Amino acid sequence: MKKPINISENAQLISGVGASSWFTIMPEGELYRIERFSPEGKLECSRLFTLDESTFDINSEYEFTYLSHCKECTIVQNELIYKFYTDEY
């Protein structure tokens, strides 16, 4: 699937049976801003997420995976699974 021009070059696509989504992550203070976009590039959510695990390195290779949505996101890095959570609605 071709990435829409309004989405960051670092965005990752999670392909789904019903729908696919693009995800981006950026550090924001002690938290992480994760954004989800539709396949067409429409911003579906932009929220601040917490992560309890301190070994995640935003500057090292990582991959968004299932289960990821606007309340919880999962990232795999160095064979470790990181869960990001938000209380924003």
Protein backbone atom coordinates (compact mmCIF):
# COMPACT_ATOMS: atom_id res chain seq x y z
CA MET A 1 0.00 0.00 0.00
CA LYS A 2 1.37 3.39 -0.97
CA LYS A 3 1.90 5.80 1.91
CA PRO A 4 -0.07 9.07 1.61
CA ILE A 5 2.16 12.15 1.33
CA ASN A 6 0.86 13.74 4.55
CA ILE A 7 2.15 10.84 6.70
CA SER A 8 5.69 10.80 8.12
CA GLU A 9 8.25 8.73 6.25
CA ASN A 10 8.80 6.85 9.53
CA ALA A 11 5.17 5.70 9.69
CA GLN A 12 4.57 1.96 9.75
CA LEU A 13 1.60 0.17 8.24
CA ILE A 14 -0.23 -2.55 10.13
CA SER A 15 -2.30 -4.48 7.60
CA GLY A 16 -5.61 -5.81 8.80
CA VAL A 17 -8.36 -8.03 7.47
CA GLY A 18 -11.05 -5.38 7.87
CA ALA A 19 -8.90 -2.26 7.86
CA SER A 20 -5.27 -1.24 7.87
CA SER A 21 -3.69 1.70 9.70
CA TRP A 22 -0.49 3.73 9.62
CA PHE A 23 1.21 4.41 12.98
CA THR A 24 3.85 6.92 14.07
CA ILE A 25 5.54 7.43 17.43
CA MET A 26 7.45 10.45 18.76
CA PRO A 27 8.85 11.19 22.21
CA GLU A 28 7.10 14.00 24.04
CA GLY A 29 8.69 14.65 27.41
CA GLU A 30 8.42 11.47 29.49
CA LEU A 31 5.61 10.19 27.25
CA TYR A 32 5.21 9.13 23.64
CA ARG A 33 2.84 10.64 21.09
CA ILE A 34 1.39 7.91 18.92
CA GLU A 35 -0.72 8.80 15.92
CA ARG A 36 -2.88 6.49 13.86
CA PHE A 37 -3.90 7.27 10.28
CA SER A 38 -6.33 5.60 7.92
CA PRO A 39 -4.93 3.98 4.76
CA GLU A 40 -5.91 7.19 2.91
CA GLY A 41 -3.98 9.41 5.36
CA LYS A 42 -6.80 10.71 7.59
CA LEU A 43 -5.67 11.26 11.20
CA GLU A 44 -7.79 8.92 13.35
CA CYS A 45 -6.18 9.66 16.70
CA SER A 46 -3.18 11.43 18.24
CA ARG A 47 -2.65 10.67 21.92
CA LEU A 48 0.00 10.62 24.61
CA PHE A 49 0.97 7.11 25.75
CA THR A 50 2.87 5.83 28.75
CA LEU A 51 5.30 2.94 28.84
CA ASP A 52 6.30 1.20 32.06
CA GLU A 53 9.31 -0.53 30.53
CA SER A 54 12.39 1.71 30.41
CA THR A 55 14.48 -0.31 27.93
CA PHE A 56 12.57 0.84 24.81
CA ASP A 57 14.87 2.90 22.56
CA ILE A 58 13.02 5.22 20.18
CA ASN A 59 16.25 5.58 18.14
CA SER A 60 16.63 1.83 17.49
CA GLU A 61 14.69 -0.27 15.00
CA TYR A 62 11.18 -1.23 16.14
CA GLU A 63 7.94 -2.51 14.62
CA PHE A 64 4.31 -1.76 15.44
CA THR A 65 2.27 -4.94 15.68
CA TYR A 66 -1.09 -6.25 16.88
CA LEU A 67 -2.84 -5.26 19.11
CA SER A 68 -2.54 -1.56 18.29
CA HIS A 69 -5.35 1.00 18.32
CA CYS A 70 -6.16 4.42 19.85
CA LYS A 71 -6.05 3.17 23.47
CA GLU A 72 -3.23 0.61 23.41
CA CYS A 73 -0.29 0.03 21.08
CA THR A 74 2.18 -2.82 20.83
CA ILE A 75 5.73 -2.47 19.57
CA VAL A 76 8.35 -5.19 19.13
CA GLN A 77 12.00 -4.23 19.52
CA ASN A 78 14.93 -6.63 19.90
CA GLU A 79 12.46 -9.51 20.34
CA LEU A 80 10.86 -7.74 23.34
CA ILE A 81 7.21 -6.67 23.39
CA TYR A 82 6.39 -3.17 24.63
CA LYS A 83 2.84 -2.14 25.53
CA PHE A 84 1.92 1.55 25.36
CA TYR A 85 -1.26 2.76 27.10
CA THR A 86 -3.23 6.00 27.17
CA ASP A 87 -6.01 7.42 29.31
CA GLU A 88 -6.89 10.09 26.73
CA TYR A 89 -10.22 9.84 24.94
